[in-house]
Amino acid sequence: MNLAVVGVPSSIGARAVGQERAPAALREAKLVEKLREAGHEVTDFGDTESFSFAPDPQNPKAQNQSAVMKVCRLVTDKVERALRDGFNPIILGGDCTIAIGSLSGIVNVLPDVGLIYFDGDADLNTPETTVTGILDGMAIAYIIGKGYKDLSHLARRYPILREESIALFGLNLSSGYVDPPEIDFLRSSSIAQFSTKTIRNLGVESVARQAIETLRTQADKIFVHFDVDVIDASDMPAADVPHPNGLTYNDAARALGIFAHSDSFLGMEITEFNADKDRDRGLAARLTDLIAFALR
């Protein structure tokens, strides 16, 4: 593939600092070089402006929304340019709110797209249901048109994606981080759901292929959002919020490989890696190997 690597050094939508240093950590771990070794043409588009989390008590239901909006606009512009120039984007986040910008940029160029949200969480809270006001727990809600208008209307169409164009893969209901309002919403939603329980029962490769086929009925191309908290805390302690009862490292790598080798694959983003929790950069190196393995 002809890949464009885009860094988004931002933790502004999160609950702590550290994710803004993830793009640098992945580059230092030779991600670009490893993707080239895997046979891809790789152009590094550099980083967007950097933003670090700070508490925003003036906006308790949507902390730092104006800054999140700025980050998402920057991501939208970079992704649009990469796609128009013929690249498959590989986006290094950054917290989960970057997905709003990524998908906005994608649908502005390629409207017939589906999203595999490879994440332990549903990220379906809204300013009305949130307890913390942290926006990275609301990314999917904004993508499907919920939340405050300025961010949910970021793309040139509304909503950014329809519910039936989204598959939650690796949804970890036993982690304790999926909130009751999110669970209630999913009971009647047309968002496809592939939980960790289903993946363990049926096998990761079978369920990954099922997720692709589900979205192929809705979209020509598939973009993958990969949040490292889908991996069990024992294997990925550098997730911004490590989740118990997640997938094994190997299962995550196998699923990501199936997604990346689909003829519908458009690109991917990597989110929620907190470089401050990886002082010796060993986990960044391991994550880089996982990404390179998936795209080999």
Protein backbone atom coordinates (compact mmCIF):
# COMPACT_ATOMS: atom_id res chain seq x y z
CA MET A 1 0.00 0.00 0.00
CA ASN A 2 0.87 3.65 -0.31
CA LEU A 3 0.70 4.72 3.34
CA ALA A 4 0.55 8.18 4.89
CA VAL A 5 1.58 8.26 8.55
CA VAL A 6 -0.11 11.10 10.43
CA GLY A 7 0.71 11.86 14.07
CA VAL A 8 -1.89 13.37 16.39
CA PRO A 9 -0.08 14.15 19.65
CA SER A 10 -3.12 14.95 21.76
CA SER A 11 -4.51 13.91 25.13
CA ILE A 12 -6.92 16.86 25.29
CA GLY A 13 -10.00 14.64 25.12
CA ALA A 14 -8.69 12.23 27.76
CA ARG A 15 -8.43 12.29 31.56
CA ALA A 16 -4.65 12.55 31.99
CA VAL A 17 -1.51 13.45 30.10
CA GLY A 18 0.69 10.94 28.28
CA GLN A 19 -1.11 10.13 25.05
CA GLU A 20 0.29 13.25 23.39
CA ARG A 21 3.69 11.52 23.49
CA ALA A 22 2.51 8.33 21.80
CA PRO A 23 3.24 9.33 18.16
CA ALA A 24 6.83 10.18 19.04
CA ALA A 25 7.21 6.91 20.97
CA LEU A 26 5.95 4.86 18.02
CA ARG A 27 8.22 6.67 15.60
CA GLU A 28 11.19 6.16 17.95
CA ALA A 29 10.31 2.45 17.94
CA LYS A 30 10.86 2.50 14.15
CA LEU A 31 7.25 2.13 13.02
CA VAL A 32 7.83 3.95 9.74
CA GLU A 33 10.90 1.85 8.98
CA LYS A 34 9.10 -1.39 9.85
CA LEU A 35 6.20 -0.53 7.56
CA ARG A 36 8.67 0.07 4.75
CA GLU A 37 10.37 -3.24 5.52
CA ALA A 38 6.94 -4.86 5.16
CA GLY A 39 6.90 -3.67 1.55
CA HIS A 40 4.82 -0.51 1.74
CA GLU A 41 5.56 2.91 0.32
CA VAL A 42 5.41 5.20 3.36
CA THR A 43 5.23 8.99 3.50
CA ASP A 44 5.38 10.63 6.90
CA PHE A 45 2.92 13.54 6.96
CA GLY A 46 4.28 14.69 10.31
CA ASP A 47 2.26 15.69 13.34
CA THR A 48 -0.62 18.00 14.00
CA GLU A 49 -0.24 20.59 16.75
CA SER A 50 0.22 19.02 20.19
CA PHE A 51 -2.38 19.33 22.97
CA SER A 52 -2.14 18.07 26.54
CA PHE A 53 -4.99 17.33 28.91
CA ALA A 54 -5.84 19.81 31.64
CA PRO A 55 -8.96 19.75 33.83
CA ASP A 56 -11.76 21.98 32.53
CA PRO A 57 -14.09 22.61 35.47
CA GLN A 58 -15.90 25.36 33.54
CA ASN A 59 -17.30 22.72 31.17
CA PRO A 60 -18.08 19.72 33.38
CA LYS A 61 -20.24 17.94 30.77
CA ALA A 62 -17.82 18.30 27.86
CA GLN A 63 -14.32 19.03 29.08
CA ASN A 64 -12.01 20.82 26.63
CA GLN A 65 -14.52 20.59 23.80
CA SER A 66 -13.22 23.68 21.98
CA ALA A 67 -9.68 22.25 21.97
CA VAL A 68 -10.97 18.81 20.92
CA MET A 69 -12.78 20.55 18.07
CA LYS A 70 -9.52 22.19 17.00
CA VAL A 71 -7.65 18.87 17.04
CA CYS A 72 -10.40 17.17 15.05
CA ARG A 73 -10.34 19.89 12.40
CA LEU A 74 -6.58 19.45 12.05
CA VAL A 75 -7.01 15.68 11.69
CA THR A 76 -9.83 16.14 9.17
CA ASP A 77 -7.63 18.33 6.99
CA LYS A 78 -4.65 15.93 7.09
CA VAL A 79 -6.79 12.86 6.36
CA GLU A 80 -8.61 14.57 3.51
CA ARG A 81 -5.30 15.57 1.93
CA ALA A 82 -3.85 12.07 2.33
CA LEU A 83 -6.87 10.44 0.70
CA ARG A 84 -7.04 12.93 -2.17
CA ASP A 85 -3.35 12.26 -2.83
CA GLY A 86 -4.00 8.52 -3.04
CA PHE A 87 -2.69 7.39 0.34
CA ASN A 88 -4.05 4.94 2.91
CA PRO A 89 -3.88 6.83 6.24
CA ILE A 90 -2.17 5.35 9.30
CA ILE A 91 -2.96 7.74 12.16
CA LEU A 92 -0.95 7.71 15.38
CA GLY A 93 -2.99 9.08 18.29
CA GLY A 94 -3.78 10.44 20.63
CA ASP A 95 -7.02 9.87 22.52
CA CYS A 96 -10.19 8.42 21.01
CA THR A 97 -11.70 11.79 20.09
CA ILE A 98 -9.40 11.87 17.06
CA ALA A 99 -11.81 9.37 15.48
CA ILE A 100 -14.31 12.20 14.99
CA GLY A 101 -11.73 14.07 12.90
CA SER A 102 -10.51 10.97 11.07
CA LEU A 103 -14.00 9.92 10.02
CA SER A 104 -14.96 13.46 9.07
CA GLY A 105 -11.97 13.67 6.74
CA ILE A 106 -12.75 10.24 5.29
CA VAL A 107 -16.45 10.81 4.54
CA ASN A 108 -15.66 14.18 2.96
CA VAL A 109 -13.72 12.24 0.31
CA LEU A 110 -15.14 8.69 0.41
CA PRO A 111 -18.70 8.78 1.77
CA ASP A 112 -19.31 5.03 1.41
CA VAL A 113 -17.18 3.93 4.38
CA GLY A 114 -17.70 1.67 7.39
CA LEU A 115 -15.94 1.76 10.74
CA ILE A 116 -14.59 -1.16 12.75
CA TYR A 117 -14.27 0.31 16.24
CA PHE A 118 -11.74 -2.13 17.69
CA ASP A 119 -12.03 -0.95 21.27
CA GLY A 120 -12.86 -2.26 24.71
CA ASP A 121 -15.42 0.52 25.15
CA ALA A 122 -18.51 1.71 23.32
CA ASP A 123 -17.72 5.43 23.73
CA LEU A 124 -21.42 6.23 23.54
CA ASN A 125 -21.78 8.58 26.46
CA THR A 126 -23.13 12.04 25.74
CA PRO A 127 -23.01 15.33 27.64
CA GLU A 128 -26.39 14.34 29.06
CA THR A 129 -25.29 10.90 30.34
CA THR A 130 -21.63 11.47 31.24
CA VAL A 131 -20.38 11.46 34.81
CA THR A 132 -16.88 12.75 34.04
CA GLY A 133 -17.37 15.00 31.02
CA ILE A 134 -14.35 13.33 29.39
CA LEU A 135 -14.90 13.42 25.63
CA ASP A 136 -12.95 10.32 24.67
CA GLY A 137 -15.85 8.37 26.16
CA MET A 138 -18.21 10.07 23.67
CA ALA A 139 -16.46 9.58 20.32
CA ILE A 140 -18.98 7.20 18.76
CA ALA A 141 -21.89 9.23 20.10
CA TYR A 142 -20.62 12.28 18.22
CA ILE A 143 -19.91 10.26 15.08
CA ILE A 144 -23.54 9.08 14.93
CA GLY A 145 -24.88 12.58 15.51
CA LYS A 146 -25.34 12.88 19.25
CA GLY A 147 -23.74 15.42 21.59
CA TYR A 148 -23.20 19.12 20.99
CA LYS A 149 -23.81 20.35 17.45
CA ASP A 150 -20.45 21.91 16.64
CA LEU A 151 -18.52 18.65 17.02
CA SER A 152 -21.18 16.25 15.71
CA HIS A 153 -21.50 18.40 12.56
CA LEU A 154 -17.77 18.48 11.81
CA ALA A 155 -18.02 16.67 8.46
CA ARG A 156 -19.77 18.00 5.38
CA ARG A 157 -22.61 15.60 6.07
CA TYR A 158 -24.65 14.75 9.15
CA PRO A 159 -24.39 12.37 10.83
CA ILE A 160 -20.78 11.53 10.09
CA LEU A 161 -21.75 7.82 10.01
CA ARG A 162 -25.01 5.96 10.30
CA GLU A 163 -25.25 3.41 13.11
CA GLU A 164 -25.44 0.51 10.66
CA SER A 165 -22.06 1.52 9.21
CA ILE A 166 -20.30 0.84 12.53
CA ALA A 167 -19.15 -2.40 14.15
CA LEU A 168 -17.92 -2.46 17.75
CA PHE A 169 -15.28 -5.18 17.88
CA GLY A 170 -13.82 -6.30 21.21
CA LEU A 171 -16.52 -4.63 23.28
CA ASN A 172 -15.54 -5.54 26.83
CA LEU A 173 -18.73 -5.52 28.89
CA SER A 174 -17.01 -7.25 31.80
CA SER A 175 -14.35 -4.56 32.21
CA GLY A 176 -16.60 -2.29 34.25
CA TYR A 177 -16.00 0.67 31.92
CA VAL A 178 -19.11 0.42 29.73
CA ASP A 179 -21.75 2.54 31.46
CA PRO A 180 -25.43 1.63 31.93
CA PRO A 181 -26.73 4.35 29.54
CA GLU A 182 -24.42 3.00 26.84
CA ILE A 183 -25.64 -0.56 27.39
CA ASP A 184 -29.26 0.64 27.26
CA PHE A 185 -28.62 2.43 23.97
CA LEU A 186 -26.97 -0.60 22.38
CA ARG A 187 -29.99 -2.80 23.12
CA SER A 188 -31.95 -1.03 20.37
CA SER A 189 -29.11 0.24 18.19
CA SER A 190 -28.25 -1.00 14.69
CA ILE A 191 -24.54 -0.74 15.53
CA ALA A 192 -23.08 -4.24 15.10
CA GLN A 193 -21.57 -5.64 18.29
CA PHE A 194 -18.84 -8.27 18.59
CA SER A 195 -17.97 -8.63 22.25
CA THR A 196 -14.92 -10.19 23.87
CA LYS A 197 -17.21 -13.01 25.00
CA THR A 198 -18.32 -13.71 21.43
CA ILE A 199 -14.72 -13.55 20.20
CA ARG A 200 -13.58 -16.07 22.81
CA ASN A 201 -16.50 -18.40 22.12
CA LEU A 202 -16.29 -18.39 18.32
CA GLY A 203 -12.62 -17.62 17.70
CA VAL A 204 -11.03 -14.32 16.86
CA GLU A 205 -10.42 -14.98 13.17
CA SER A 206 -13.98 -16.15 12.52
CA VAL A 207 -15.51 -13.17 14.30
CA ALA A 208 -13.13 -10.69 12.62
CA ARG A 209 -14.21 -11.96 9.21
CA GLN A 210 -17.84 -11.75 10.29
CA ALA A 211 -17.34 -8.10 11.27
CA ILE A 212 -15.90 -7.33 7.84
CA GLU A 213 -18.74 -9.08 6.05
CA THR A 214 -21.31 -7.25 8.18
CA LEU A 215 -19.92 -3.88 7.14
CA ARG A 216 -19.48 -4.87 3.50
CA THR A 217 -23.26 -4.83 3.16
CA GLN A 218 -23.13 -1.13 4.09
CA ALA A 219 -19.83 0.19 2.73
CA ASP A 220 -17.17 -0.25 0.06
CA LYS A 221 -14.25 0.68 2.30
CA ILE A 222 -13.53 0.01 5.98
CA PHE A 223 -11.53 2.17 8.37
CA VAL A 224 -10.22 0.62 11.60
CA HIS A 225 -10.03 2.46 14.91
CA PHE A 226 -7.68 0.50 17.19
CA ASP A 227 -7.72 1.43 20.87
CA VAL A 228 -5.03 -0.45 22.76
CA ASP A 229 -7.31 -0.85 25.80
CA VAL A 230 -9.01 -3.68 23.89
CA ILE A 231 -5.95 -5.71 24.92
CA ASP A 232 -6.02 -7.12 28.43
CA ALA A 233 -4.32 -4.98 31.08
CA SER A 234 -1.77 -7.70 31.74
CA ASP A 235 -0.54 -7.45 28.13
CA MET A 236 -1.01 -3.68 27.65
CA PRO A 237 -0.47 -1.81 30.93
CA ALA A 238 0.35 1.34 28.95
CA ALA A 239 -3.24 1.77 27.80
CA ASP A 240 -4.44 5.10 29.14
CA VAL A 241 -7.03 3.15 31.18
CA PRO A 242 -5.94 -0.52 31.25
CA HIS A 243 -8.93 -2.87 30.98
CA PRO A 244 -9.21 -6.25 32.70
CA ASN A 245 -10.74 -9.19 30.82
CA GLY A 246 -9.62 -7.89 27.43
CA LEU A 247 -8.28 -9.77 24.44
CA THR A 248 -4.84 -11.32 24.46
CA TYR A 249 -2.07 -9.52 22.62
CA ASN A 250 -1.94 -12.34 20.06
CA ASP A 251 -5.70 -12.27 19.43
CA ALA A 252 -5.59 -8.51 18.92
CA ALA A 253 -2.74 -8.92 16.42
CA ARG A 254 -4.58 -11.65 14.53
CA ALA A 255 -7.80 -9.62 14.31
CA LEU A 256 -5.96 -6.51 13.18
CA GLY A 257 -4.16 -8.55 10.53
CA ILE A 258 -7.45 -9.86 9.13
CA PHE A 259 -8.85 -6.33 8.97
CA ALA A 260 -5.73 -4.96 7.30
CA HIS A 261 -5.65 -7.72 4.67
CA SER A 262 -9.25 -7.23 3.64
CA ASP A 263 -9.62 -5.76 0.15
CA SER A 264 -11.95 -3.21 1.80
CA PHE A 265 -9.24 -1.89 4.15
CA LEU A 266 -8.81 1.87 3.89
CA GLY A 267 -6.55 2.66 6.83
CA MET A 268 -6.38 2.71 10.59
CA GLU A 269 -5.71 4.80 13.66
CA ILE A 270 -4.01 3.76 16.90
CA THR A 271 -5.27 5.40 20.10
CA GLU A 272 -5.04 5.48 23.89
CA PHE A 273 -1.38 4.47 24.20
CA ASN A 274 0.00 6.42 27.16
CA ALA A 275 3.73 6.78 26.63
CA ASP A 276 4.22 8.04 30.19
CA LYS A 277 3.42 4.51 31.38
CA ASP A 278 6.16 3.04 29.19
CA ARG A 279 9.35 4.53 30.54
CA ASP A 280 11.71 2.04 28.89
CA ARG A 281 9.74 2.11 25.59
CA GLY A 282 9.41 -1.67 25.63
CA LEU A 283 5.65 -1.54 25.18
CA ALA A 284 5.95 0.98 22.33
CA ALA A 285 8.31 -1.44 20.60
CA ARG A 286 5.87 -4.28 21.11
CA LEU A 287 2.94 -2.23 19.84
CA THR A 288 4.97 -1.21 16.79
CA ASP A 289 5.67 -4.87 16.08
CA LEU A 290 1.95 -5.63 16.35
CA ILE A 291 1.07 -2.92 13.83
CA ALA A 292 3.82 -3.97 11.44
CA PHE A 293 2.75 -7.63 11.77
CA ALA A 294 -0.86 -6.72 10.93
CA LEU A 295 0.21 -4.74 7.85
CA ARG A 296 2.91 -7.11 6.64
